[in-house]
Amino acid sequence: MHSSFLKEMGITEWTPREGSPVAAAIDQPSATEKIAEAVVSTNNPRAHWWFFGNLPQGDAKILFQNVIRVLGLSSNEWSWKSPSDNLGQIQLPESGIPVVAFAFGGPTVQKITGERDPLPQLRETILVLNTGNDDEIPVVASFDLAHFATKSKDKAMLWQDLLLAKSVLQNS
């Protein structure tokens, strides 16, 4: 019944990938270290997502785990990066694999893109990661995870932002 209502509203329903090890990847004792680095694997990833922002805690962490699950990302298809990382030293994944950066929160978006506009004006726009070298990594801006965790009515904006990032990957 819920599916039919969503379909009538034009909202695509997310379905998780079977056997996705999302919770295990985040809840390991060394999760902070692992999230801060790109995950290396022998599997061939389809694309790679870089998530920028403050490390999520509490309900925001659960929301992020659900985002990873509904996107169907395996552990080698995403990594968490701090906005304070030296962007010029971030290693790109294997050549030919498309990358999209997804930034949580206005200060994070401004720091990694060099933009000065407030977050509401930066949303729904494809920005570029400010790495200092010739790599042009597309960036999609969204509100902080803590915002979505406390204001569930705004989660539709998160969904829109994720769909935009997904379309960027599909068109690259």
N, C-alpha and C. Protein backbone atom coordinates (compact mmCIF):
# COMPACT_ATOMS: atom_id res chain seq x y z
N MET A 1 0.82 -1.18 0.00
CA MET A 1 0.00 0.00 0.00
C MET A 1 0.87 1.26 0.00
N HIS A 2 1.93 1.29 0.82
CA HIS A 2 2.82 2.44 0.86
C HIS A 2 3.52 2.63 -0.48
N SER A 3 3.89 1.51 -1.11
CA SER A 3 4.57 1.59 -2.39
C SER A 3 3.70 2.27 -3.43
N SER A 4 2.42 1.96 -3.44
CA SER A 4 1.54 2.57 -4.43
C SER A 4 1.39 4.07 -4.19
N PHE A 5 1.35 4.49 -2.91
CA PHE A 5 1.28 5.92 -2.61
C PHE A 5 2.55 6.64 -3.07
N LEU A 6 3.69 6.04 -2.79
CA LEU A 6 4.96 6.63 -3.22
C LEU A 6 5.02 6.73 -4.73
N LYS A 7 4.58 5.68 -5.40
CA LYS A 7 4.61 5.66 -6.86
C LYS A 7 3.72 6.76 -7.43
N GLU A 8 2.54 6.96 -6.84
CA GLU A 8 1.63 8.02 -7.29
C GLU A 8 2.24 9.40 -7.11
N MET A 9 3.07 9.57 -6.08
CA MET A 9 3.71 10.86 -5.83
C MET A 9 4.97 11.03 -6.68
N GLY A 10 5.34 10.01 -7.45
CA GLY A 10 6.54 10.10 -8.27
C GLY A 10 7.82 9.87 -7.52
N ILE A 11 7.75 9.20 -6.36
CA ILE A 11 8.93 8.94 -5.54
C ILE A 11 9.37 7.50 -5.77
N THR A 12 10.63 7.35 -6.17
CA THR A 12 11.18 6.04 -6.37
C THR A 12 11.52 5.42 -5.02
N GLU A 13 11.12 4.19 -4.81
CA GLU A 13 11.34 3.53 -3.54
C GLU A 13 12.71 2.87 -3.54
N TRP A 14 13.46 3.06 -2.46
CA TRP A 14 14.78 2.46 -2.33
C TRP A 14 14.62 1.02 -1.88
N THR A 15 15.49 0.17 -2.42
CA THR A 15 15.54 -1.21 -1.95
C THR A 15 16.99 -1.54 -1.66
N PRO A 16 17.26 -2.19 -0.54
CA PRO A 16 18.66 -2.49 -0.17
C PRO A 16 19.22 -3.63 -1.02
N ARG A 17 20.51 -3.60 -1.21
CA ARG A 17 21.20 -4.68 -1.88
C ARG A 17 21.30 -5.83 -0.89
N GLU A 18 21.03 -7.02 -1.34
CA GLU A 18 21.10 -8.20 -0.47
C GLU A 18 22.51 -8.36 0.09
N GLY A 19 22.61 -8.61 1.36
CA GLY A 19 23.89 -8.92 2.00
C GLY A 19 24.83 -7.75 2.13
N SER A 20 24.34 -6.52 2.09
CA SER A 20 25.20 -5.35 2.20
C SER A 20 25.82 -5.29 3.59
N PRO A 21 27.15 -5.18 3.69
CA PRO A 21 27.82 -5.19 5.00
C PRO A 21 27.99 -3.79 5.60
N VAL A 22 26.99 -2.93 5.46
CA VAL A 22 27.10 -1.54 5.88
C VAL A 22 27.32 -1.40 7.38
N ALA A 23 26.44 -2.00 8.18
CA ALA A 23 26.54 -1.83 9.63
C ALA A 23 27.86 -2.38 10.15
N ALA A 24 28.30 -3.49 9.61
CA ALA A 24 29.57 -4.08 10.06
C ALA A 24 30.74 -3.15 9.74
N ALA A 25 30.69 -2.49 8.58
CA ALA A 25 31.79 -1.61 8.18
C ALA A 25 31.87 -0.38 9.07
N ILE A 26 30.73 0.13 9.54
CA ILE A 26 30.73 1.34 10.34
C ILE A 26 30.98 1.04 11.82
N ASP A 27 30.49 -0.08 12.32
CA ASP A 27 30.55 -0.36 13.75
C ASP A 27 31.81 -1.07 14.22
N GLN A 28 32.78 -1.29 13.36
CA GLN A 28 34.01 -1.93 13.78
C GLN A 28 34.75 -0.99 14.73
N PRO A 29 35.55 -1.54 15.66
CA PRO A 29 36.25 -0.70 16.62
C PRO A 29 37.11 0.39 15.98
N SER A 30 37.70 0.13 14.84
CA SER A 30 38.54 1.13 14.19
C SER A 30 37.78 1.86 13.09
N ALA A 31 36.48 2.05 13.26
CA ALA A 31 35.64 2.66 12.22
C ALA A 31 36.10 4.08 11.89
N THR A 32 36.54 4.85 12.88
CA THR A 32 36.97 6.22 12.61
C THR A 32 38.15 6.23 11.64
N GLU A 33 39.11 5.33 11.86
CA GLU A 33 40.25 5.26 10.97
C GLU A 33 39.84 4.76 9.59
N LYS A 34 38.97 3.74 9.55
CA LYS A 34 38.57 3.17 8.26
C LYS A 34 37.70 4.13 7.46
N ILE A 35 36.84 4.87 8.13
CA ILE A 35 35.98 5.81 7.42
C ILE A 35 36.82 6.94 6.85
N ALA A 36 37.90 7.30 7.51
CA ALA A 36 38.71 8.42 7.07
C ALA A 36 39.52 8.10 5.82
N GLU A 37 39.64 6.85 5.45
CA GLU A 37 40.43 6.45 4.29
C GLU A 37 39.53 5.78 3.26
N ALA A 38 39.97 5.80 2.01
CA ALA A 38 39.25 5.05 0.99
C ALA A 38 39.44 3.57 1.27
N VAL A 39 38.41 2.79 1.10
CA VAL A 39 38.45 1.38 1.38
C VAL A 39 39.02 0.66 0.17
N VAL A 40 40.03 -0.20 0.39
CA VAL A 40 40.65 -0.93 -0.69
C VAL A 40 40.09 -2.35 -0.71
N SER A 41 39.76 -2.80 -1.88
CA SER A 41 39.17 -4.13 -1.98
C SER A 41 39.59 -4.78 -3.29
N THR A 42 39.48 -6.08 -3.35
CA THR A 42 39.79 -6.78 -4.59
C THR A 42 38.61 -6.77 -5.55
N ASN A 43 37.42 -6.42 -5.08
CA ASN A 43 36.26 -6.33 -5.94
C ASN A 43 36.37 -5.12 -6.85
N ASN A 44 35.68 -5.16 -7.97
CA ASN A 44 35.68 -4.02 -8.88
C ASN A 44 34.47 -3.14 -8.59
N PRO A 45 34.68 -1.98 -7.99
CA PRO A 45 33.55 -1.10 -7.71
C PRO A 45 33.01 -0.47 -8.99
N ARG A 46 31.71 -0.15 -8.99
CA ARG A 46 31.06 0.50 -10.14
C ARG A 46 31.36 1.98 -10.14
N ALA A 47 31.45 2.56 -8.96
CA ALA A 47 31.70 3.98 -8.76
C ALA A 47 32.18 4.16 -7.33
N HIS A 48 32.57 5.38 -7.00
CA HIS A 48 33.02 5.63 -5.64
C HIS A 48 32.39 6.92 -5.13
N TRP A 49 31.84 6.87 -3.93
CA TRP A 49 31.23 8.02 -3.27
C TRP A 49 32.16 8.49 -2.17
N TRP A 50 32.46 9.79 -2.16
CA TRP A 50 33.18 10.40 -1.06
C TRP A 50 32.18 11.20 -0.26
N PHE A 51 32.00 10.86 1.00
CA PHE A 51 31.10 11.60 1.88
C PHE A 51 31.95 12.50 2.76
N PHE A 52 31.67 13.80 2.72
CA PHE A 52 32.41 14.78 3.51
C PHE A 52 31.51 15.34 4.60
N GLY A 53 32.07 15.54 5.77
CA GLY A 53 31.34 16.15 6.87
C GLY A 53 31.92 15.72 8.19
N ASN A 54 31.26 16.14 9.25
CA ASN A 54 31.65 15.70 10.58
C ASN A 54 31.20 14.25 10.75
N LEU A 55 32.01 13.46 11.39
CA LEU A 55 31.69 12.06 11.60
C LEU A 55 30.35 11.94 12.32
N PRO A 56 29.38 11.24 11.73
CA PRO A 56 28.05 11.18 12.34
C PRO A 56 28.04 10.40 13.65
N GLN A 57 27.19 10.86 14.57
CA GLN A 57 27.04 10.23 15.87
C GLN A 57 25.56 9.99 16.15
N GLY A 58 25.23 9.00 16.95
CA GLY A 58 23.86 8.76 17.38
C GLY A 58 22.90 8.51 16.23
N ASP A 59 21.77 9.24 16.23
CA ASP A 59 20.76 9.08 15.19
C ASP A 59 21.29 9.43 13.81
N ALA A 60 22.21 10.39 13.74
CA ALA A 60 22.80 10.77 12.45
C ALA A 60 23.61 9.60 11.89
N LYS A 61 24.28 8.84 12.74
CA LYS A 61 25.05 7.68 12.30
C LYS A 61 24.11 6.60 11.75
N ILE A 62 22.99 6.40 12.43
CA ILE A 62 22.00 5.42 11.96
C ILE A 62 21.44 5.85 10.61
N LEU A 63 21.16 7.14 10.47
CA LEU A 63 20.67 7.66 9.20
C LEU A 63 21.70 7.44 8.10
N PHE A 64 22.98 7.69 8.40
CA PHE A 64 24.02 7.47 7.39
C PHE A 64 24.12 5.99 7.01
N GLN A 65 24.02 5.10 7.98
CA GLN A 65 24.04 3.67 7.68
C GLN A 65 22.89 3.31 6.74
N ASN A 66 21.73 3.92 6.96
CA ASN A 66 20.58 3.68 6.09
C ASN A 66 20.80 4.25 4.70
N VAL A 67 21.47 5.39 4.60
CA VAL A 67 21.79 5.96 3.30
C VAL A 67 22.67 4.99 2.51
N ILE A 68 23.71 4.48 3.15
CA ILE A 68 24.61 3.53 2.50
C ILE A 68 23.85 2.29 2.06
N ARG A 69 22.97 1.81 2.94
CA ARG A 69 22.19 0.61 2.64
C ARG A 69 21.27 0.82 1.45
N VAL A 70 20.53 1.93 1.44
CA VAL A 70 19.57 2.12 0.36
C VAL A 70 20.24 2.47 -0.96
N LEU A 71 21.43 3.04 -0.90
CA LEU A 71 22.18 3.26 -2.14
C LEU A 71 22.77 1.95 -2.66
N GLY A 72 22.79 0.93 -1.81
CA GLY A 72 23.33 -0.36 -2.20
C GLY A 72 24.83 -0.36 -2.37
N LEU A 73 25.52 0.45 -1.58
CA LEU A 73 26.97 0.57 -1.71
C LEU A 73 27.68 -0.49 -0.88
N SER A 74 28.65 -1.13 -1.49
CA SER A 74 29.49 -2.05 -0.74
C SER A 74 30.63 -1.24 -0.12
N SER A 75 31.38 -1.84 0.77
CA SER A 75 32.40 -1.11 1.52
C SER A 75 33.51 -0.52 0.65
N ASN A 76 33.71 -1.07 -0.55
CA ASN A 76 34.74 -0.52 -1.43
C ASN A 76 34.19 0.53 -2.39
N GLU A 77 32.93 0.93 -2.21
CA GLU A 77 32.33 1.92 -3.10
C GLU A 77 32.08 3.26 -2.41
N TRP A 78 32.54 3.41 -1.17
CA TRP A 78 32.37 4.68 -0.48
C TRP A 78 33.46 4.88 0.56
N SER A 79 33.68 6.13 0.90
CA SER A 79 34.60 6.44 2.00
C SER A 79 34.16 7.75 2.64
N TRP A 80 34.49 7.89 3.91
CA TRP A 80 34.16 9.09 4.66
C TRP A 80 35.41 9.95 4.74
N LYS A 81 35.23 11.23 4.48
CA LYS A 81 36.36 12.15 4.52
C LYS A 81 36.01 13.36 5.38
N SER A 82 36.98 13.83 6.10
CA SER A 82 36.79 15.01 6.94
C SER A 82 37.02 16.26 6.09
N PRO A 83 36.25 17.32 6.32
CA PRO A 83 36.49 18.55 5.57
C PRO A 83 37.84 19.17 5.88
N SER A 84 38.47 18.74 6.97
CA SER A 84 39.79 19.28 7.32
C SER A 84 40.92 18.52 6.63
N ASP A 85 40.61 17.45 5.88
CA ASP A 85 41.63 16.72 5.14
C ASP A 85 42.30 17.64 4.12
N ASN A 86 43.56 17.37 3.83
CA ASN A 86 44.25 18.10 2.78
C ASN A 86 43.71 17.57 1.44
N LEU A 87 42.88 18.36 0.78
CA LEU A 87 42.19 17.90 -0.43
C LEU A 87 43.15 17.61 -1.57
N GLY A 88 44.30 18.25 -1.58
CA GLY A 88 45.29 18.01 -2.63
C GLY A 88 45.95 16.64 -2.51
N GLN A 89 45.84 16.01 -1.34
CA GLN A 89 46.48 14.71 -1.13
C GLN A 89 45.49 13.55 -1.16
N ILE A 90 44.23 13.82 -1.46
CA ILE A 90 43.25 12.74 -1.53
C ILE A 90 43.52 11.90 -2.77
N GLN A 91 43.64 10.61 -2.56
CA GLN A 91 43.92 9.69 -3.66
C GLN A 91 42.63 9.33 -4.39
N LEU A 92 42.67 9.47 -5.71
CA LEU A 92 41.53 9.04 -6.52
C LEU A 92 41.53 7.52 -6.59
N PRO A 93 40.33 6.92 -6.68
CA PRO A 93 40.29 5.46 -6.85
C PRO A 93 40.86 5.07 -8.21
N GLU A 94 40.83 3.79 -8.49
CA GLU A 94 41.35 3.27 -9.75
C GLU A 94 40.88 4.14 -10.92
N SER A 95 41.74 4.23 -11.94
CA SER A 95 41.38 5.06 -13.09
C SER A 95 40.14 4.51 -13.78
N GLY A 96 39.35 5.43 -14.26
CA GLY A 96 38.14 5.05 -14.97
C GLY A 96 36.92 4.87 -14.11
N ILE A 97 37.08 4.86 -12.80
CA ILE A 97 35.93 4.71 -11.91
C ILE A 97 35.40 6.10 -11.60
N PRO A 98 34.12 6.34 -11.90
CA PRO A 98 33.58 7.66 -11.60
C PRO A 98 33.49 7.90 -10.09
N VAL A 99 33.71 9.16 -9.70
CA VAL A 99 33.69 9.56 -8.30
C VAL A 99 32.73 10.72 -8.15
N VAL A 100 31.96 10.71 -7.08
CA VAL A 100 31.14 11.86 -6.72
C VAL A 100 31.37 12.15 -5.25
N ALA A 101 31.46 13.42 -4.92
CA ALA A 101 31.59 13.84 -3.53
C ALA A 101 30.24 14.34 -3.06
N PHE A 102 29.87 13.95 -1.85
CA PHE A 102 28.61 14.35 -1.26
C PHE A 102 28.94 15.04 0.04
N ALA A 103 28.62 16.33 0.14
CA ALA A 103 29.02 17.12 1.30
C ALA A 103 27.84 17.39 2.21
N PHE A 104 28.00 17.07 3.49
CA PHE A 104 26.97 17.29 4.51
C PHE A 104 27.27 18.57 5.27
N GLY A 105 26.42 19.58 5.13
CA GLY A 105 26.54 20.81 5.91
C GLY A 105 27.17 21.96 5.16
N GLY A 106 26.66 23.17 5.41
CA GLY A 106 27.13 24.37 4.73
C GLY A 106 28.62 24.63 4.87
N PRO A 107 29.16 24.63 6.10
CA PRO A 107 30.60 24.89 6.24
C PRO A 107 31.46 23.86 5.49
N THR A 108 31.03 22.61 5.49
CA THR A 108 31.78 21.57 4.77
C THR A 108 31.76 21.86 3.27
N VAL A 109 30.60 22.16 2.73
CA VAL A 109 30.47 22.45 1.30
C VAL A 109 31.35 23.63 0.93
N GLN A 110 31.29 24.68 1.72
CA GLN A 110 32.07 25.88 1.43
C GLN A 110 33.57 25.59 1.48
N LYS A 111 33.99 24.80 2.44
CA LYS A 111 35.42 24.50 2.59
C LYS A 111 35.95 23.67 1.42
N ILE A 112 35.22 22.64 1.00
CA ILE A 112 35.76 21.76 -0.03
C ILE A 112 35.55 22.29 -1.45
N THR A 113 34.65 23.27 -1.62
CA THR A 113 34.41 23.80 -2.97
C THR A 113 34.96 25.21 -3.15
N GLY A 114 35.16 25.92 -2.04
CA GLY A 114 35.59 27.31 -2.13
C GLY A 114 34.43 28.27 -2.39
N GLU A 115 33.22 27.76 -2.44
CA GLU A 115 32.04 28.60 -2.65
C GLU A 115 31.76 29.41 -1.39
N ARG A 116 31.13 30.58 -1.56
CA ARG A 116 30.80 31.43 -0.41
C ARG A 116 29.30 31.54 -0.18
N ASP A 117 28.50 31.09 -1.13
CA ASP A 117 27.05 31.18 -0.99
C ASP A 117 26.57 30.28 0.15
N PRO A 118 25.42 30.63 0.76
CA PRO A 118 24.88 29.76 1.81
C PRO A 118 24.37 28.45 1.22
N LEU A 119 24.28 27.45 2.07
CA LEU A 119 23.91 26.10 1.64
C LEU A 119 22.62 26.03 0.82
N PRO A 120 21.53 26.71 1.21
CA PRO A 120 20.32 26.59 0.40
C PRO A 120 20.51 26.98 -1.06
N GLN A 121 21.44 27.90 -1.33
CA GLN A 121 21.72 28.29 -2.72
C GLN A 121 22.65 27.30 -3.42
N LEU A 122 23.40 26.53 -2.66
CA LEU A 122 24.34 25.58 -3.26
C LEU A 122 23.71 24.22 -3.53
N ARG A 123 22.60 23.93 -2.86
CA ARG A 123 21.90 22.66 -3.09
C ARG A 123 21.36 22.63 -4.51
N GLU A 124 21.15 21.44 -5.02
CA GLU A 124 20.59 21.19 -6.35
C GLU A 124 21.47 21.76 -7.46
N THR A 125 22.74 21.93 -7.17
CA THR A 125 23.73 22.40 -8.13
C THR A 125 24.93 21.46 -8.08
N ILE A 126 25.51 21.19 -9.23
CA ILE A 126 26.72 20.38 -9.25
C ILE A 126 27.90 21.33 -9.06
N LEU A 127 28.60 21.14 -7.98
CA LEU A 127 29.77 21.95 -7.65
C LEU A 127 31.02 21.14 -7.98
N VAL A 128 32.20 21.73 -7.77
CA VAL A 128 33.45 21.04 -8.06
C VAL A 128 34.33 21.05 -6.82
N LEU A 129 34.93 19.90 -6.51
CA LEU A 129 35.83 19.77 -5.37
C LEU A 129 37.08 20.59 -5.63
N ASN A 130 37.49 21.37 -4.66
CA ASN A 130 38.65 22.25 -4.75
C ASN A 130 39.89 21.49 -4.29
N THR A 131 40.47 20.66 -5.18
CA THR A 131 41.62 19.83 -4.80
C THR A 131 42.96 20.53 -5.03
N GLY A 132 42.99 21.59 -5.80
CA GLY A 132 44.24 22.27 -6.08
C GLY A 132 45.00 21.68 -7.25
N ASN A 133 44.52 20.57 -7.81
CA ASN A 133 45.14 20.02 -9.02
C ASN A 133 44.07 19.92 -10.12
N ASP A 134 44.35 19.24 -11.19
CA ASP A 134 43.46 19.25 -12.35
C ASP A 134 42.25 18.33 -12.25
N ASP A 135 42.14 17.56 -11.19
CA ASP A 135 41.01 16.65 -11.05
C ASP A 135 39.73 17.43 -10.80
N GLU A 136 38.69 17.14 -11.56
CA GLU A 136 37.39 17.78 -11.35
C GLU A 136 36.42 16.74 -10.82
N ILE A 137 36.23 16.75 -9.52
CA ILE A 137 35.33 15.82 -8.85
C ILE A 137 34.02 16.56 -8.59
N PRO A 138 32.89 16.05 -9.10
CA PRO A 138 31.63 16.72 -8.85
C PRO A 138 31.22 16.60 -7.38
N VAL A 139 30.61 17.66 -6.86
CA VAL A 139 30.17 17.71 -5.47
C VAL A 139 28.68 18.04 -5.43
N VAL A 140 27.95 17.29 -4.62
CA VAL A 140 26.55 17.58 -4.35
C VAL A 140 26.45 17.98 -2.89
N ALA A 141 25.79 19.11 -2.64
CA ALA A 141 25.67 19.66 -1.29
C ALA A 141 24.34 19.28 -0.67
N SER A 142 24.36 19.01 0.62
CA SER A 142 23.15 18.70 1.37
C SER A 142 23.31 19.22 2.80
N PHE A 143 22.22 19.23 3.52
CA PHE A 143 22.28 19.63 4.93
C PHE A 143 23.02 18.58 5.74
N ASP A 144 23.45 18.95 6.92
CA ASP A 144 24.16 18.05 7.82
C ASP A 144 23.25 16.89 8.22
N LEU A 145 23.84 15.73 8.43
CA LEU A 145 23.06 14.55 8.84
C LEU A 145 22.30 14.78 10.14
N ALA A 146 22.88 15.53 11.06
CA ALA A 146 22.19 15.82 12.33
C ALA A 146 20.91 16.62 12.08
N HIS A 147 20.92 17.47 11.07
CA HIS A 147 19.72 18.23 10.70
C HIS A 147 18.60 17.27 10.29
N PHE A 148 18.94 16.33 9.42
CA PHE A 148 17.93 15.38 8.94
C PHE A 148 17.48 14.43 10.05
N ALA A 149 18.38 14.10 10.96
CA ALA A 149 18.02 13.20 12.05
C ALA A 149 17.02 13.85 13.01
N THR A 150 17.06 15.17 13.13
CA THR A 150 16.14 15.86 14.04
C THR A 150 14.91 16.41 13.34
N LYS A 151 14.98 16.62 12.03
CA LYS A 151 13.85 17.18 11.27
C LYS A 151 13.47 16.21 10.16
N SER A 152 12.72 15.20 10.54
CA SER A 152 12.40 14.14 9.58
C SER A 152 11.61 14.63 8.38
N LYS A 153 10.88 15.74 8.50
CA LYS A 153 10.14 16.25 7.35
C LYS A 153 11.08 16.74 6.24
N ASP A 154 12.33 17.03 6.58
CA ASP A 154 13.30 17.50 5.60
C ASP A 154 14.04 16.36 4.90
N LYS A 155 13.78 15.12 5.29
CA LYS A 155 14.50 14.00 4.69
C LYS A 155 14.24 13.87 3.20
N ALA A 156 13.14 14.42 2.71
CA ALA A 156 12.88 14.41 1.27
C ALA A 156 13.96 15.18 0.52
N MET A 157 14.52 16.21 1.15
CA MET A 157 15.61 16.97 0.53
C MET A 157 16.87 16.10 0.43
N LEU A 158 17.13 15.30 1.45
CA LEU A 158 18.26 14.38 1.41
C LEU A 158 18.08 13.41 0.25
N TRP A 159 16.89 12.88 0.11
CA TRP A 159 16.58 11.96 -0.99
C TRP A 159 16.84 12.63 -2.34
N GLN A 160 16.39 13.88 -2.51
CA GLN A 160 16.61 14.61 -3.76
C GLN A 160 18.10 14.78 -4.02
N ASP A 161 18.85 15.13 -2.99
CA ASP A 161 20.29 15.34 -3.14
C ASP A 161 21.00 14.04 -3.52
N LEU A 162 20.59 12.94 -2.90
CA LEU A 162 21.19 11.64 -3.24
C LEU A 162 20.86 11.23 -4.67
N LEU A 163 19.64 11.49 -5.10
CA LEU A 163 19.27 11.18 -6.48
C LEU A 163 20.08 12.02 -7.48
N LEU A 164 20.34 13.28 -7.13
CA LEU A 164 21.16 14.13 -7.98
C LEU A 164 22.57 13.56 -8.08
N ALA A 165 23.15 13.16 -6.96
CA ALA A 165 24.49 12.58 -6.97
C ALA A 165 24.52 11.29 -7.78
N LYS A 166 23.48 10.49 -7.63
CA LYS A 166 23.40 9.23 -8.37
C LYS A 166 23.31 9.50 -9.87
N SER A 167 22.58 10.53 -10.26
CA SER A 167 22.47 10.85 -11.69
C SER A 167 23.81 11.37 -12.23
N VAL A 168 24.57 12.08 -11.39
CA VAL A 168 25.90 12.53 -11.81
C VAL A 168 26.79 11.33 -12.13
N LEU A 169 26.73 10.31 -11.28
CA LEU A 169 27.52 9.10 -11.51
C LEU A 169 27.06 8.36 -12.77
N GLN A 170 25.77 8.30 -12.98
CA GLN A 170 25.25 7.59 -14.14
C GLN A 170 25.60 8.29 -15.44
N ASN A 171 25.80 9.60 -15.39
CA ASN A 171 26.12 10.37 -16.60
C ASN A 171 27.62 10.58 -16.79
N SER A 172 28.44 9.98 -15.92
CA SER A 172 29.89 10.18 -16.08
C SER A 172 30.54 8.99 -16.73
